[in-house]
Amino acid sequence: MKRIIGPPLRGWDLPRMVDRLRSMEAPELFCTDMAIPLWKESIRYGIDPVGPIAQSAKETNWGKFTGVVKAEWRNTAGIKVRFQNLHPELSGDKPLAHAMFPSWEVGARAHVQHVCAYAGQPVDDLIIDPRWDFVVGKYNLQVWDDFRKLWGPDDNYGLSVEVIMKKILEEA
């Protein structure tokens, strides 16, 4: 089981991660625009960066954005808007039910803050995550497998993130 909180595994740094993602033939958008801010924000908040990067790979199909979320929304994890009950177009898995961010850095920060909320990891600056208030204080998840039905509807959600983490960490 892969832990949520903590530094990257020994020997892993940002250049090595980018090289690894490129060796896996991930699109350049994912390797740089998405993974670099995710790495930096994860380090900032004490989260092992491989987790959010793997989660983003799952949520965005490695930056190909083949689902309802568009790349130009800079939403690295399919985070939903704050109040989904205000309008029918903001509910369920409709496109406008997902948050839009002004930059990859802001989207990555919201994503990692959302992970922090689930993991019980304190955040001591401006909260960007639109769903923070709905999650913070309710959970204290330790490993990615604990996410199960909490982030997505799939019982195996966290396990599937861990499988991607393992794949990323395997040397080519």
C-alpha atoms as a PDB file:
ATOM      1  CA  MET A   1       0.000   0.000   0.000  1.00  0.00           C
ATOM      2  CA  LYS A   2       1.290   3.434  -0.959  1.00  0.00           C
ATOM      3  CA  ARG A   3       1.310   6.162   1.677  1.00  0.00           C
ATOM      4  CA  ILE A   4      -0.213   9.586   1.043  1.00  0.00           C
ATOM      5  CA  ILE A   5       1.798  11.777   3.414  1.00  0.00           C
ATOM      6  CA  GLY A   6       5.575  11.913   3.236  1.00  0.00           C
ATOM      7  CA  PRO A   7       8.500  12.815   1.044  1.00  0.00           C
ATOM      8  CA  PRO A   8       9.173  11.188  -2.309  1.00  0.00           C
ATOM      9  CA  LEU A   9      10.932   7.851  -2.183  1.00  0.00           C
ATOM     10  CA  ARG A  10      14.683   8.142  -1.820  1.00  0.00           C
ATOM     11  CA  GLY A  11      16.319   8.811  -5.150  1.00  0.00           C
ATOM     12  CA  TRP A  12      13.246  10.340  -6.736  1.00  0.00           C
ATOM     13  CA  ASP A  13      13.320  14.013  -7.635  1.00  0.00           C
ATOM     14  CA  LEU A  14      11.506  16.176 -10.149  1.00  0.00           C
ATOM     15  CA  PRO A  15      13.920  15.728 -13.102  1.00  0.00           C
ATOM     16  CA  ARG A  16      13.868  11.962 -12.630  1.00  0.00           C
ATOM     17  CA  MET A  17      10.056  11.989 -12.488  1.00  0.00           C
ATOM     18  CA  VAL A  18       9.768  14.016 -15.701  1.00  0.00           C
ATOM     19  CA  ASP A  19      12.254  11.693 -17.426  1.00  0.00           C
ATOM     20  CA  ARG A  20      10.300   8.666 -16.218  1.00  0.00           C
ATOM     21  CA  LEU A  21       6.991  10.046 -17.473  1.00  0.00           C
ATOM     22  CA  ARG A  22       8.571  10.790 -20.858  1.00  0.00           C
ATOM     23  CA  SER A  23       9.978   7.246 -20.994  1.00  0.00           C
ATOM     24  CA  MET A  24       6.405   6.023 -20.457  1.00  0.00           C
ATOM     25  CA  GLU A  25       5.418   8.091 -23.501  1.00  0.00           C
ATOM     26  CA  ALA A  26       3.100  10.338 -21.536  1.00  0.00           C
ATOM     27  CA  PRO A  27       2.153  13.467 -23.527  1.00  0.00           C
ATOM     28  CA  GLU A  28       4.410  16.471 -22.964  1.00  0.00           C
ATOM     29  CA  LEU A  29       1.441  18.369 -21.495  1.00  0.00           C
ATOM     30  CA  PHE A  30       1.322  15.781 -18.727  1.00  0.00           C
ATOM     31  CA  CYS A  31       5.108  15.530 -18.265  1.00  0.00           C
ATOM     32  CA  THR A  32       5.658  19.241 -17.812  1.00  0.00           C
ATOM     33  CA  ASP A  33       2.555  21.449 -17.510  1.00  0.00           C
ATOM     34  CA  MET A  34       0.805  19.066 -15.131  1.00  0.00           C
ATOM     35  CA  ALA A  35       3.421  16.902 -13.380  1.00  0.00           C
ATOM     36  CA  ILE A  36       5.839  19.709 -12.508  1.00  0.00           C
ATOM     37  CA  PRO A  37       3.292  21.816 -10.579  1.00  0.00           C
ATOM     38  CA  LEU A  38       1.837  18.661  -9.005  1.00  0.00           C
ATOM     39  CA  TRP A  39       5.309  17.685  -7.790  1.00  0.00           C
ATOM     40  CA  LYS A  40       6.018  21.155  -6.385  1.00  0.00           C
ATOM     41  CA  GLU A  41       2.641  21.508  -4.654  1.00  0.00           C
ATOM     42  CA  SER A  42       2.886  18.002  -3.209  1.00  0.00           C
ATOM     43  CA  ILE A  43       6.294  18.774  -1.712  1.00  0.00           C
ATOM     44  CA  ARG A  44       4.932  22.082  -0.391  1.00  0.00           C
ATOM     45  CA  TYR A  45       2.153  20.308   1.519  1.00  0.00           C
ATOM     46  CA  GLY A  46       4.042  17.196   2.634  1.00  0.00           C
ATOM     47  CA  ILE A  47       2.367  14.764   0.238  1.00  0.00           C
ATOM     48  CA  ASP A  48       4.367  12.093  -1.617  1.00  0.00           C
ATOM     49  CA  PRO A  49       4.197  13.594  -5.138  1.00  0.00           C
ATOM     50  CA  VAL A  50       3.929  10.264  -6.921  1.00  0.00           C
ATOM     51  CA  GLY A  51       0.364   9.880  -5.585  1.00  0.00           C
ATOM     52  CA  PRO A  52      -1.146  13.073  -7.023  1.00  0.00           C
ATOM     53  CA  ILE A  53       0.748  12.523 -10.284  1.00  0.00           C
ATOM     54  CA  ALA A  54      -0.645   8.978 -10.556  1.00  0.00           C
ATOM     55  CA  GLN A  55      -4.099  10.194  -9.583  1.00  0.00           C
ATOM     56  CA  SER A  56      -3.911  12.866 -12.256  1.00  0.00           C
ATOM     57  CA  ALA A  57      -2.882  10.217 -14.793  1.00  0.00           C
ATOM     58  CA  LYS A  58      -6.016   8.266 -13.861  1.00  0.00           C
ATOM     59  CA  GLU A  59      -8.350  11.274 -13.864  1.00  0.00           C
ATOM     60  CA  THR A  60      -7.103  12.852 -17.115  1.00  0.00           C
ATOM     61  CA  ASN A  61      -5.967   9.777 -19.075  1.00  0.00           C
ATOM     62  CA  TRP A  62      -2.357  10.917 -18.779  1.00  0.00           C
ATOM     63  CA  GLY A  63      -3.207  14.465 -19.819  1.00  0.00           C
ATOM     64  CA  LYS A  64      -5.163  13.441 -22.906  1.00  0.00           C
ATOM     65  CA  PHE A  65      -8.421  14.647 -21.297  1.00  0.00           C
ATOM     66  CA  THR A  66     -10.633  12.101 -23.030  1.00  0.00           C
ATOM     67  CA  GLY A  67     -13.495  12.569 -20.521  1.00  0.00           C
ATOM     68  CA  VAL A  68     -15.799  15.498 -19.818  1.00  0.00           C
ATOM     69  CA  VAL A  69     -13.089  17.722 -18.276  1.00  0.00           C
ATOM     70  CA  LYS A  70     -11.245  19.849 -20.841  1.00  0.00           C
ATOM     71  CA  ALA A  71      -7.495  20.524 -20.716  1.00  0.00           C
ATOM     72  CA  GLU A  72      -8.070  24.287 -20.824  1.00  0.00           C
ATOM     73  CA  TRP A  73      -9.802  24.034 -17.430  1.00  0.00           C
ATOM     74  CA  ARG A  74      -6.429  23.057 -15.898  1.00  0.00           C
ATOM     75  CA  ASN A  75      -8.146  20.660 -13.494  1.00  0.00           C
ATOM     76  CA  THR A  76      -5.598  17.920 -12.797  1.00  0.00           C
ATOM     77  CA  ALA A  77      -7.963  15.674 -10.832  1.00  0.00           C
ATOM     78  CA  GLY A  78     -11.544  16.200 -11.979  1.00  0.00           C
ATOM     79  CA  ILE A  79     -12.368  18.205  -8.856  1.00  0.00           C
ATOM     80  CA  LYS A  80     -15.996  19.277  -8.803  1.00  0.00           C
ATOM     81  CA  VAL A  81     -17.383  22.762  -8.196  1.00  0.00           C
ATOM     82  CA  ARG A  82     -18.363  23.837  -4.702  1.00  0.00           C
ATOM     83  CA  PHE A  83     -22.167  23.836  -4.845  1.00  0.00           C
ATOM     84  CA  GLN A  84     -23.440  21.280  -7.302  1.00  0.00           C
ATOM     85  CA  ASN A  85     -27.078  21.680  -6.295  1.00  0.00           C
ATOM     86  CA  LEU A  86     -27.399  25.255  -7.610  1.00  0.00           C
ATOM     87  CA  HIS A  87     -28.150  24.280 -11.196  1.00  0.00           C
ATOM     88  CA  PRO A  88     -28.772  21.000 -13.078  1.00  0.00           C
ATOM     89  CA  GLU A  89     -25.705  21.618 -15.298  1.00  0.00           C
ATOM     90  CA  LEU A  90     -23.518  21.613 -12.165  1.00  0.00           C
ATOM     91  CA  SER A  91     -24.533  18.118 -11.056  1.00  0.00           C
ATOM     92  CA  GLY A  92     -23.250  14.610 -11.535  1.00  0.00           C
ATOM     93  CA  ASP A  93     -20.566  14.129 -14.133  1.00  0.00           C
ATOM     94  CA  LYS A  94     -21.682  16.922 -16.440  1.00  0.00           C
ATOM     95  CA  PRO A  95     -18.832  19.056 -17.775  1.00  0.00           C
ATOM     96  CA  LEU A  96     -19.751  22.209 -15.845  1.00  0.00           C
ATOM     97  CA  ALA A  97     -19.862  20.235 -12.584  1.00  0.00           C
ATOM     98  CA  HIS A  98     -16.051  20.382 -12.669  1.00  0.00           C
ATOM     99  CA  ALA A  99     -13.905  23.250 -11.442  1.00  0.00           C
ATOM    100  CA  MET A 100     -11.900  25.440 -13.802  1.00  0.00           C
ATOM    101  CA  PHE A 101      -8.586  26.992 -12.771  1.00  0.00           C
ATOM    102  CA  PRO A 102      -6.597  29.909 -14.249  1.00  0.00           C
ATOM    103  CA  SER A 103      -3.281  28.011 -14.434  1.00  0.00           C
ATOM    104  CA  TRP A 104      -1.808  24.549 -14.003  1.00  0.00           C
ATOM    105  CA  GLU A 105      -0.167  25.755 -10.789  1.00  0.00           C
ATOM    106  CA  VAL A 106      -3.506  26.778  -9.281  1.00  0.00           C
ATOM    107  CA  GLY A 107      -5.184  23.575 -10.469  1.00  0.00           C
ATOM    108  CA  ALA A 108      -2.351  21.494  -8.983  1.00  0.00           C
ATOM    109  CA  ARG A 109      -2.582  23.392  -5.696  1.00  0.00           C
ATOM    110  CA  ALA A 110      -6.350  22.747  -5.495  1.00  0.00           C
ATOM    111  CA  HIS A 111      -5.777  19.066  -6.265  1.00  0.00           C
ATOM    112  CA  VAL A 112      -3.081  18.619  -3.606  1.00  0.00           C
ATOM    113  CA  GLN A 113      -5.082  20.610  -1.054  1.00  0.00           C
ATOM    114  CA  HIS A 114      -8.002  18.261  -1.723  1.00  0.00           C
ATOM    115  CA  VAL A 115      -5.746  15.283  -1.049  1.00  0.00           C
ATOM    116  CA  CYS A 116      -4.595  17.020   2.161  1.00  0.00           C
ATOM    117  CA  ALA A 117      -8.204  17.440   3.282  1.00  0.00           C
ATOM    118  CA  TYR A 118      -8.802  13.699   2.924  1.00  0.00           C
ATOM    119  CA  ALA A 119      -5.494  12.805   4.582  1.00  0.00           C
ATOM    120  CA  GLY A 120      -5.982  15.126   7.554  1.00  0.00           C
ATOM    121  CA  GLN A 121      -2.848  17.023   6.514  1.00  0.00           C
ATOM    122  CA  PRO A 122      -2.946  20.676   7.670  1.00  0.00           C
ATOM    123  CA  VAL A 123      -2.861  23.487   5.118  1.00  0.00           C
ATOM    124  CA  ASP A 124      -1.819  26.860   6.485  1.00  0.00           C
ATOM    125  CA  ASP A 125      -2.384  29.155   3.532  1.00  0.00           C
ATOM    126  CA  LEU A 126      -5.168  30.271   1.188  1.00  0.00           C
ATOM    127  CA  ILE A 127      -7.479  27.371   0.349  1.00  0.00           C
ATOM    128  CA  ILE A 128      -7.957  27.021  -3.414  1.00  0.00           C
ATOM    129  CA  ASP A 129      -9.750  23.647  -3.319  1.00  0.00           C
ATOM    130  CA  PRO A 130     -13.447  24.380  -3.999  1.00  0.00           C
ATOM    131  CA  ARG A 131     -14.521  21.257  -2.079  1.00  0.00           C
ATOM    132  CA  TRP A 132     -12.275  21.747   0.985  1.00  0.00           C
ATOM    133  CA  ASP A 133     -15.108  22.512   3.407  1.00  0.00           C
ATOM    134  CA  PHE A 134     -16.966  19.358   2.417  1.00  0.00           C
ATOM    135  CA  VAL A 135     -14.014  17.088   3.228  1.00  0.00           C
ATOM    136  CA  VAL A 136     -11.700  18.632   5.845  1.00  0.00           C
ATOM    137  CA  GLY A 137     -11.933  17.074   9.284  1.00  0.00           C
ATOM    138  CA  LYS A 138     -13.953  14.060   8.125  1.00  0.00           C
ATOM    139  CA  TYR A 139     -11.150  11.675   7.191  1.00  0.00           C
ATOM    140  CA  ASN A 140      -7.589  10.788   8.084  1.00  0.00           C
ATOM    141  CA  LEU A 141      -6.623   8.560   5.163  1.00  0.00           C
ATOM    142  CA  GLN A 142      -3.158   7.009   5.345  1.00  0.00           C
ATOM    143  CA  VAL A 143      -2.748   5.170   2.032  1.00  0.00           C
ATOM    144  CA  TRP A 144      -4.185   5.683  -1.436  1.00  0.00           C
ATOM    145  CA  ASP A 145      -6.250   2.514  -1.246  1.00  0.00           C
ATOM    146  CA  ASP A 146      -8.263   4.198   1.545  1.00  0.00           C
ATOM    147  CA  PHE A 147      -9.864   6.463  -1.088  1.00  0.00           C
ATOM    148  CA  ARG A 148     -12.094   3.657  -2.380  1.00  0.00           C
ATOM    149  CA  LYS A 149     -15.515   5.286  -2.988  1.00  0.00           C
ATOM    150  CA  LEU A 150     -14.491   8.603  -1.426  1.00  0.00           C
ATOM    151  CA  TRP A 151     -12.993  10.336  -4.483  1.00  0.00           C
ATOM    152  CA  GLY A 152     -14.733   8.432  -7.233  1.00  0.00           C
ATOM    153  CA  PRO A 153     -17.636   5.984  -7.288  1.00  0.00           C
ATOM    154  CA  ASP A 154     -15.357   2.980  -7.848  1.00  0.00           C
ATOM    155  CA  ASP A 155     -14.653   0.607  -4.922  1.00  0.00           C
ATOM    156  CA  ASN A 156     -11.189   0.096  -6.424  1.00  0.00           C
ATOM    157  CA  TYR A 157     -10.430   3.798  -6.982  1.00  0.00           C
ATOM    158  CA  GLY A 158      -7.525   4.021  -4.526  1.00  0.00           C
ATOM    159  CA  LEU A 159      -6.120   0.677  -5.589  1.00  0.00           C
ATOM    160  CA  SER A 160      -6.122   1.799  -9.225  1.00  0.00           C
ATOM    161  CA  VAL A 161      -4.140   4.911  -8.220  1.00  0.00           C
ATOM    162  CA  GLU A 162      -1.668   2.665  -6.395  1.00  0.00           C
ATOM    163  CA  VAL A 163      -1.282   0.486  -9.511  1.00  0.00           C
ATOM    164  CA  ILE A 164      -0.377   3.592 -11.539  1.00  0.00           C
ATOM    165  CA  MET A 165       2.041   4.684  -8.799  1.00  0.00           C
ATOM    166  CA  LYS A 166       3.765   1.315  -8.981  1.00  0.00           C
ATOM    167  CA  LYS A 167       3.971   1.546 -12.763  1.00  0.00           C
ATOM    168  CA  ILE A 168       5.526   5.014 -12.565  1.00  0.00           C
ATOM    169  CA  LEU A 169       8.064   3.895  -9.966  1.00  0.00           C
ATOM    170  CA  GLU A 170       9.150   0.851 -11.972  1.00  0.00           C
ATOM    171  CA  GLU A 171      12.301   1.646 -13.841  1.00  0.00           C
ATOM    172  CA  ALA A 172      12.024   1.282 -17.597  1.00  0.00           C
END
